[in-house]
PDB file of N, CA and C in Angstrom:
ATOM      1  N   MET A   1     106.907 120.949 133.636  1.00  0.00           N
ATOM      2  CA  MET A   1     107.340 119.883 132.777  1.00  0.00           C
ATOM      3  C   MET A   1     108.052 120.415 131.537  1.00  0.00           C
ATOM      4  N   ARG A   2     107.612 121.568 131.061  1.00  0.00           N
ATOM      5  CA  ARG A   2     108.237 122.141 129.878  1.00  0.00           C
ATOM      6  C   ARG A   2     109.679 122.569 130.167  1.00  0.00           C
ATOM      7  N   ASN A   3     109.918 123.062 131.390  1.00  0.00           N
ATOM      8  CA  ASN A   3     111.285 123.433 131.752  1.00  0.00           C
ATOM      9  C   ASN A   3     112.197 122.211 131.766  1.00  0.00           C
ATOM     10  N   TYR A   4     111.680 121.104 132.286  1.00  0.00           N
ATOM     11  CA  TYR A   4     112.439 119.862 132.317  1.00  0.00           C
ATOM     12  C   TYR A   4     112.733 119.388 130.894  1.00  0.00           C
ATOM     13  N   SER A   5     111.786 119.508 130.005  1.00  0.00           N
ATOM     14  CA  SER A   5     111.981 119.112 128.613  1.00  0.00           C
ATOM     15  C   SER A   5     113.032 119.984 127.942  1.00  0.00           C
ATOM     16  N   GLY A   6     112.969 121.276 128.202  1.00  0.00           N
ATOM     17  CA  GLY A   6     113.972 122.183 127.647  1.00  0.00           C
ATOM     18  C   GLY A   6     115.349 121.881 128.177  1.00  0.00           C
ATOM     19  N   LEU A   7     115.430 121.502 129.440  1.00  0.00           N
ATOM     20  CA  LEU A   7     116.711 121.122 130.021  1.00  0.00           C
ATOM     21  C   LEU A   7     117.262 119.868 129.351  1.00  0.00           C
ATOM     22  N   LEU A   8     116.399 118.892 129.077  1.00  0.00           N
ATOM     23  CA  LEU A   8     116.832 117.679 128.380  1.00  0.00           C
ATOM     24  C   LEU A   8     117.377 117.999 126.992  1.00  0.00           C
ATOM     25  N   VAL A   9     116.710 118.882 126.286  1.00  0.00           N
ATOM     26  CA  VAL A   9     117.174 119.267 124.954  1.00  0.00           C
ATOM     27  C   VAL A   9     118.526 119.965 125.045  1.00  0.00           C
ATOM     28  N   ALA A  10     118.654 120.882 125.986  1.00  0.00           N
ATOM     29  CA  ALA A  10     119.910 121.627 126.123  1.00  0.00           C
ATOM     30  C   ALA A  10     121.071 120.708 126.507  1.00  0.00           C
ATOM     31  N   VAL A  11     120.842 119.835 127.480  1.00  0.00           N
ATOM     32  CA  VAL A  11     121.901 118.911 127.903  1.00  0.00           C
ATOM     33  C   VAL A  11     122.254 117.950 126.776  1.00  0.00           C
ATOM     34  N   GLY A  12     121.261 117.491 126.040  1.00  0.00           N
ATOM     35  CA  GLY A  12     121.512 116.602 124.914  1.00  0.00           C
ATOM     36  C   GLY A  12     122.330 117.263 123.820  1.00  0.00           C
ATOM     37  N   LEU A  13     122.010 118.499 123.500  1.00  0.00           N
ATOM     38  CA  LEU A  13     122.766 119.204 122.457  1.00  0.00           C
ATOM     39  C   LEU A  13     124.195 119.500 122.884  1.00  0.00           C
ATOM     40  N   VAL A  14     124.354 119.950 124.115  1.00  0.00           N
ATOM     41  CA  VAL A  14     125.710 120.235 124.614  1.00  0.00           C
ATOM     42  C   VAL A  14     126.532 118.952 124.677  1.00  0.00           C
ATOM     43  N   GLY A  15     125.919 117.873 125.151  1.00  0.00           N
ATOM     44  CA  GLY A  15     126.616 116.592 125.210  1.00  0.00           C
ATOM     45  C   GLY A  15     127.004 116.092 123.830  1.00  0.00           C
ATOM     46  N   PHE A  16     126.109 116.245 122.866  1.00  0.00           N
ATOM     47  CA  PHE A  16     126.402 115.821 121.498  1.00  0.00           C
ATOM     48  C   PHE A  16     127.565 116.613 120.917  1.00  0.00           C
ATOM     49  N   LEU A  17     127.543 117.920 121.110  1.00  0.00           N
ATOM     50  CA  LEU A  17     128.628 118.752 120.580  1.00  0.00           C
ATOM     51  C   LEU A  17     129.960 118.454 121.268  1.00  0.00           C
ATOM     52  N   TYR A  18     129.918 118.222 122.581  1.00  0.00           N
ATOM     53  CA  TYR A  18     131.143 117.899 123.314  1.00  0.00           C
ATOM     54  C   TYR A  18     131.723 116.572 122.832  1.00  0.00           C
ATOM     55  N   CYS A  19     130.885 115.555 122.727  1.00  0.00           N
ATOM     56  CA  CYS A  19     131.374 114.244 122.288  1.00  0.00           C
ATOM     57  C   CYS A  19     131.879 114.293 120.848  1.00  0.00           C
ATOM     58  N   SER A  20     131.242 115.075 120.011  1.00  0.00           N
ATOM     59  CA  SER A  20     131.701 115.211 118.625  1.00  0.00           C
ATOM     60  C   SER A  20     133.068 115.879 118.561  1.00  0.00           C
ATOM     61  N   ALA A  21     133.266 116.895 119.388  1.00  0.00           N
ATOM     62  CA  ALA A  21     134.560 117.584 119.396  1.00  0.00           C
ATOM     63  C   ALA A  21     135.657 116.670 119.925  1.00  0.00           C
ATOM     64  N   GLU A  22     135.361 115.916 120.973  1.00  0.00           N
ATOM     65  CA  GLU A  22     136.358 115.000 121.531  1.00  0.00           C
ATOM     66  C   GLU A  22     136.625 113.835 120.588  1.00  0.00           C
ATOM     67  N   LEU A  23     135.615 113.390 119.876  1.00  0.00           N
ATOM     68  CA  LEU A  23     135.761 112.266 118.958  1.00  0.00           C
ATOM     69  C   LEU A  23     136.696 112.603 117.808  1.00  0.00           C
ATOM     70  N   SER A  24     136.695 113.855 117.387  1.00  0.00           N
ATOM     71  CA  SER A  24     137.569 114.245 116.285  1.00  0.00           C
ATOM     72  C   SER A  24     139.043 114.237 116.690  1.00  0.00           C
ATOM     73  N   LYS A  25     139.332 114.269 117.991  1.00  0.00           N
ATOM     74  CA  LYS A  25     140.715 114.259 118.475  1.00  0.00           C
ATOM     75  C   LYS A  25     141.258 112.843 118.675  1.00  0.00           C
ATOM     76  N   LEU A  26     140.390 111.844 118.705  1.00  0.00           N
ATOM     77  CA  LEU A  26     140.793 110.480 119.035  1.00  0.00           C
ATOM     78  C   LEU A  26     140.986 109.636 117.779  1.00  0.00           C
ATOM     79  N   GLU A  27     141.748 108.549 117.941  1.00  0.00           N
ATOM     80  CA  GLU A  27     141.912 107.596 116.849  1.00  0.00           C
ATOM     81  C   GLU A  27     140.620 106.798 116.693  1.00  0.00           C
ATOM     82  N   PRO A  28     140.229 106.495 115.470  1.00  0.00           N
ATOM     83  CA  PRO A  28     138.973 105.755 115.278  1.00  0.00           C
ATOM     84  C   PRO A  28     139.075 104.322 115.790  1.00  0.00           C
ATOM     85  N   VAL A  29     137.936 103.737 116.070  1.00  0.00           N
ATOM     86  CA  VAL A  29     137.857 102.343 116.502  1.00  0.00           C
ATOM     87  C   VAL A  29     138.121 101.465 115.286  1.00  0.00           C
ATOM     88  N   PRO A  30     138.950 100.426 115.439  1.00  0.00           N
ATOM     89  CA  PRO A  30     139.173  99.531 114.301  1.00  0.00           C
ATOM     90  C   PRO A  30     137.869  98.888 113.825  1.00  0.00           C
ATOM     91  N   PRO A  31     137.691  98.741 112.526  1.00  0.00           N
ATOM     92  CA  PRO A  31     136.438  98.171 112.014  1.00  0.00           C
ATOM     93  C   PRO A  31     136.318  96.684 112.347  1.00  0.00           C
ATOM     94  N   GLY A  32     135.095  96.223 112.461  1.00  0.00           N
ATOM     95  CA  GLY A  32     134.820  94.815 112.670  1.00  0.00           C
ATOM     96  C   GLY A  32     134.772  94.384 114.122  1.00  0.00           C
ATOM     97  N   LEU A  33     134.837  95.317 115.055  1.00  0.00           N
ATOM     98  CA  LEU A  33     134.777  94.951 116.467  1.00  0.00           C
ATOM     99  C   LEU A  33     133.330  94.883 116.939  1.00  0.00           C
ATOM    100  N   SER A  34     133.096  94.035 117.926  1.00  0.00           N
ATOM    101  CA  SER A  34     131.765  93.979 118.514  1.00  0.00           C
ATOM    102  C   SER A  34     131.553  95.218 119.376  1.00  0.00           C
ATOM    103  N   MET A  35     130.296  95.432 119.784  1.00  0.00           N
ATOM    104  CA  MET A  35     129.967  96.609 120.579  1.00  0.00           C
ATOM    105  C   MET A  35     130.699  96.592 121.921  1.00  0.00           C
ATOM    106  N   GLY A  36     130.800  95.437 122.531  1.00  0.00           N
ATOM    107  CA  GLY A  36     131.483  95.326 123.817  1.00  0.00           C
ATOM    108  C   GLY A  36     132.967  95.642 123.727  1.00  0.00           C
ATOM    109  N   ARG A  37     133.582  95.204 122.658  1.00  0.00           N
ATOM    110  CA  ARG A  37     135.016  95.477 122.479  1.00  0.00           C
ATOM    111  C   ARG A  37     135.265  96.926 122.078  1.00  0.00           C
ATOM    112  N   ALA A  38     134.300  97.566 121.443  1.00  0.00           N
ATOM    113  CA  ALA A  38     134.470  98.962 121.034  1.00  0.00           C
ATOM    114  C   ALA A  38     134.551  99.884 122.246  1.00  0.00           C
ATOM    115  N   PHE A  39     133.941  99.480 123.371  1.00  0.00           N
ATOM    116  CA  PHE A  39     133.990 100.300 124.581  1.00  0.00           C
ATOM    117  C   PHE A  39     135.371 100.307 125.223  1.00  0.00           C
ATOM    118  N   GLU A  40     136.261  99.435 124.787  1.00  0.00           N
ATOM    119  CA  GLU A  40     137.620  99.423 125.311  1.00  0.00           C
ATOM    120  C   GLU A  40     138.433 100.606 124.775  1.00  0.00           C
ATOM    121  N   TYR A  41     137.952 101.232 123.729  1.00  0.00           N
ATOM    122  CA  TYR A  41     138.634 102.365 123.115  1.00  0.00           C
ATOM    123  C   TYR A  41     137.935 103.662 123.517  1.00  0.00           C
ATOM    124  N   PRO A  42     138.697 104.736 123.744  1.00  0.00           N
ATOM    125  CA  PRO A  42     138.063 106.020 124.088  1.00  0.00           C
ATOM    126  C   PRO A  42     137.113 106.518 123.001  1.00  0.00           C
ATOM    127  N   ALA A  43     137.449 106.255 121.746  1.00  0.00           N
ATOM    128  CA  ALA A  43     136.579 106.701 120.652  1.00  0.00           C
ATOM    129  C   ALA A  43     135.242 105.975 120.684  1.00  0.00           C
ATOM    130  N   GLY A  44     135.235 104.722 121.100  1.00  0.00           N
ATOM    131  CA  GLY A  44     133.990 103.973 121.215  1.00  0.00           C
ATOM    132  C   GLY A  44     133.090 104.540 122.305  1.00  0.00           C
ATOM    133  N   LYS A  45     133.703 104.961 123.409  1.00  0.00           N
ATOM    134  CA  LYS A  45     132.927 105.565 124.493  1.00  0.00           C
ATOM    135  C   LYS A  45     132.349 106.909 124.067  1.00  0.00           C
ATOM    136  N   MET A  46     133.123 107.702 123.345  1.00  0.00           N
ATOM    137  CA  MET A  46     132.627 109.004 122.880  1.00  0.00           C
ATOM    138  C   MET A  46     131.529 108.832 121.839  1.00  0.00           C
ATOM    139  N   GLU A  47     131.653 107.828 121.006  1.00  0.00           N
ATOM    140  CA  GLU A  47     130.615 107.570 120.000  1.00  0.00           C
ATOM    141  C   GLU A  47     129.292 107.196 120.671  1.00  0.00           C
ATOM    142  N   MET A  48     129.367 106.356 121.702  1.00  0.00           N
ATOM    143  CA  MET A  48     128.148 105.988 122.415  1.00  0.00           C
ATOM    144  C   MET A  48     127.585 107.182 123.178  1.00  0.00           C
ATOM    145  N   GLY A  49     128.452 108.025 123.724  1.00  0.00           N
ATOM    146  CA  GLY A  49     127.996 109.241 124.384  1.00  0.00           C
ATOM    147  C   GLY A  49     127.287 110.177 123.421  1.00  0.00           C
ATOM    148  N   ARG A  50     127.777 110.212 122.205  1.00  0.00           N
ATOM    149  CA  ARG A  50     127.141 111.042 121.180  1.00  0.00           C
ATOM    150  C   ARG A  50     125.737 110.531 120.844  1.00  0.00           C
ATOM    151  N   TYR A  51     125.608 109.209 120.702  1.00  0.00           N
ATOM    152  CA  TYR A  51     124.289 108.635 120.428  1.00  0.00           C
ATOM    153  C   TYR A  51     123.337 108.844 121.599  1.00  0.00           C
ATOM    154  N   ALA A  52     123.832 108.673 122.812  1.00  0.00           N
ATOM    155  CA  ALA A  52     122.987 108.852 123.994  1.00  0.00           C
ATOM    156  C   ALA A  52     122.540 110.304 124.123  1.00  0.00           C
ATOM    157  N   SER A  53     123.427 111.239 123.829  1.00  0.00           N
ATOM    158  CA  SER A  53     123.068 112.658 123.903  1.00  0.00           C
ATOM    159  C   SER A  53     122.038 113.027 122.849  1.00  0.00           C
ATOM    160  N   ALA A  54     122.187 112.478 121.660  1.00  0.00           N
ATOM    161  CA  ALA A  54     121.203 112.739 120.607  1.00  0.00           C
ATOM    162  C   ALA A  54     119.836 112.167 120.990  1.00  0.00           C
ATOM    163  N   ALA A  55     119.833 110.979 121.588  1.00  0.00           N
ATOM    164  CA  ALA A  55     118.580 110.383 122.025  1.00  0.00           C
ATOM    165  C   ALA A  55     117.939 111.211 123.136  1.00  0.00           C
ATOM    166  N   LEU A  56     118.745 111.740 124.036  1.00  0.00           N
ATOM    167  CA  LEU A  56     118.235 112.571 125.118  1.00  0.00           C
ATOM    168  C   LEU A  56     117.591 113.845 124.571  1.00  0.00           C
ATOM    169  N   ALA A  57     118.265 114.484 123.621  1.00  0.00           N
ATOM    170  CA  ALA A  57     117.706 115.693 123.014  1.00  0.00           C
ATOM    171  C   ALA A  57     116.416 115.371 122.254  1.00  0.00           C
ATOM    172  N   PHE A  58     116.383 114.267 121.552  1.00  0.00           N
ATOM    173  CA  PHE A  58     115.183 113.865 120.821  1.00  0.00           C
ATOM    174  C   PHE A  58     114.028 113.597 121.774  1.00  0.00           C
ATOM    175  N   PHE A  59     114.306 112.933 122.889  1.00  0.00           N
ATOM    176  CA  PHE A  59     113.268 112.672 123.877  1.00  0.00           C
ATOM    177  C   PHE A  59     112.732 113.979 124.460  1.00  0.00           C
ATOM    178  N   GLY A  60     113.620 114.945 124.699  1.00  0.00           N
ATOM    179  CA  GLY A  60     113.182 116.246 125.191  1.00  0.00           C
ATOM    180  C   GLY A  60     112.282 116.958 124.191  1.00  0.00           C
ATOM    181  N   ILE A  61     112.618 116.866 122.924  1.00  0.00           N
ATOM    182  CA  ILE A  61     111.791 117.483 121.874  1.00  0.00           C
ATOM    183  C   ILE A  61     110.424 116.814 121.824  1.00  0.00           C
ATOM    184  N   LEU A  62     110.405 115.487 121.936  1.00  0.00           N
ATOM    185  CA  LEU A  62     109.114 114.782 121.954  1.00  0.00           C
ATOM    186  C   LEU A  62     108.265 115.212 123.147  1.00  0.00           C
ATOM    187  N   MET A  63     108.890 115.373 124.292  1.00  0.00           N
ATOM    188  CA  MET A  63     108.137 115.793 125.467  1.00  0.00           C
ATOM    189  C   MET A  63     107.572 117.207 125.304  1.00  0.00           C
ATOM    190  N   ILE A  64     108.321 118.084 124.656  1.00  0.00           N
ATOM    191  CA  ILE A  64     107.833 119.437 124.402  1.00  0.00           C
ATOM    192  C   ILE A  64     106.625 119.385 123.462  1.00  0.00           C
ATOM    193  N   MET A  65     106.706 118.541 122.428  1.00  0.00           N
ATOM    194  CA  MET A  65     105.619 118.473 121.472  1.00  0.00           C
ATOM    195  C   MET A  65     104.357 117.870 122.085  1.00  0.00           C
ATOM    196  N   VAL A  66     104.495 116.925 122.968  1.00  0.00           N
ATOM    197  CA  VAL A  66     103.337 116.271 123.575  1.00  0.00           C
ATOM    198  C   VAL A  66     102.659 117.195 124.572  1.00  0.00           C
ATOM    199  N   ARG A  67     103.415 118.001 125.290  1.00  0.00           N
ATOM    200  CA  ARG A  67     102.863 118.840 126.336  1.00  0.00           C
ATOM    201  C   ARG A  67     102.155 120.083 125.797  1.00  0.00           C
ATOM    202  N   ARG A  68     102.287 120.412 124.552  1.00  0.00           N
ATOM    203  CA  ARG A  68     101.650 121.622 124.010  1.00  0.00           C
ATOM    204  C   ARG A  68     100.246 121.395 123.719  1.00  0.00           C
TER     205      ARG A  68
END
């Protein structure tokens, strides 16, 4: 289980760094759009990928802490 948790942390960190690097190359999402409309823009998809990757890494860290 600890190996799986470490894998979650690693994938989450790599995903976060990748999405952050790609996000800096894209035009920002116009302000005031709903969440559904923000997904129509590549920057909106990368932003959500960044949040999902951070959540994945956080979940992996929690699993490591619980299993000790």
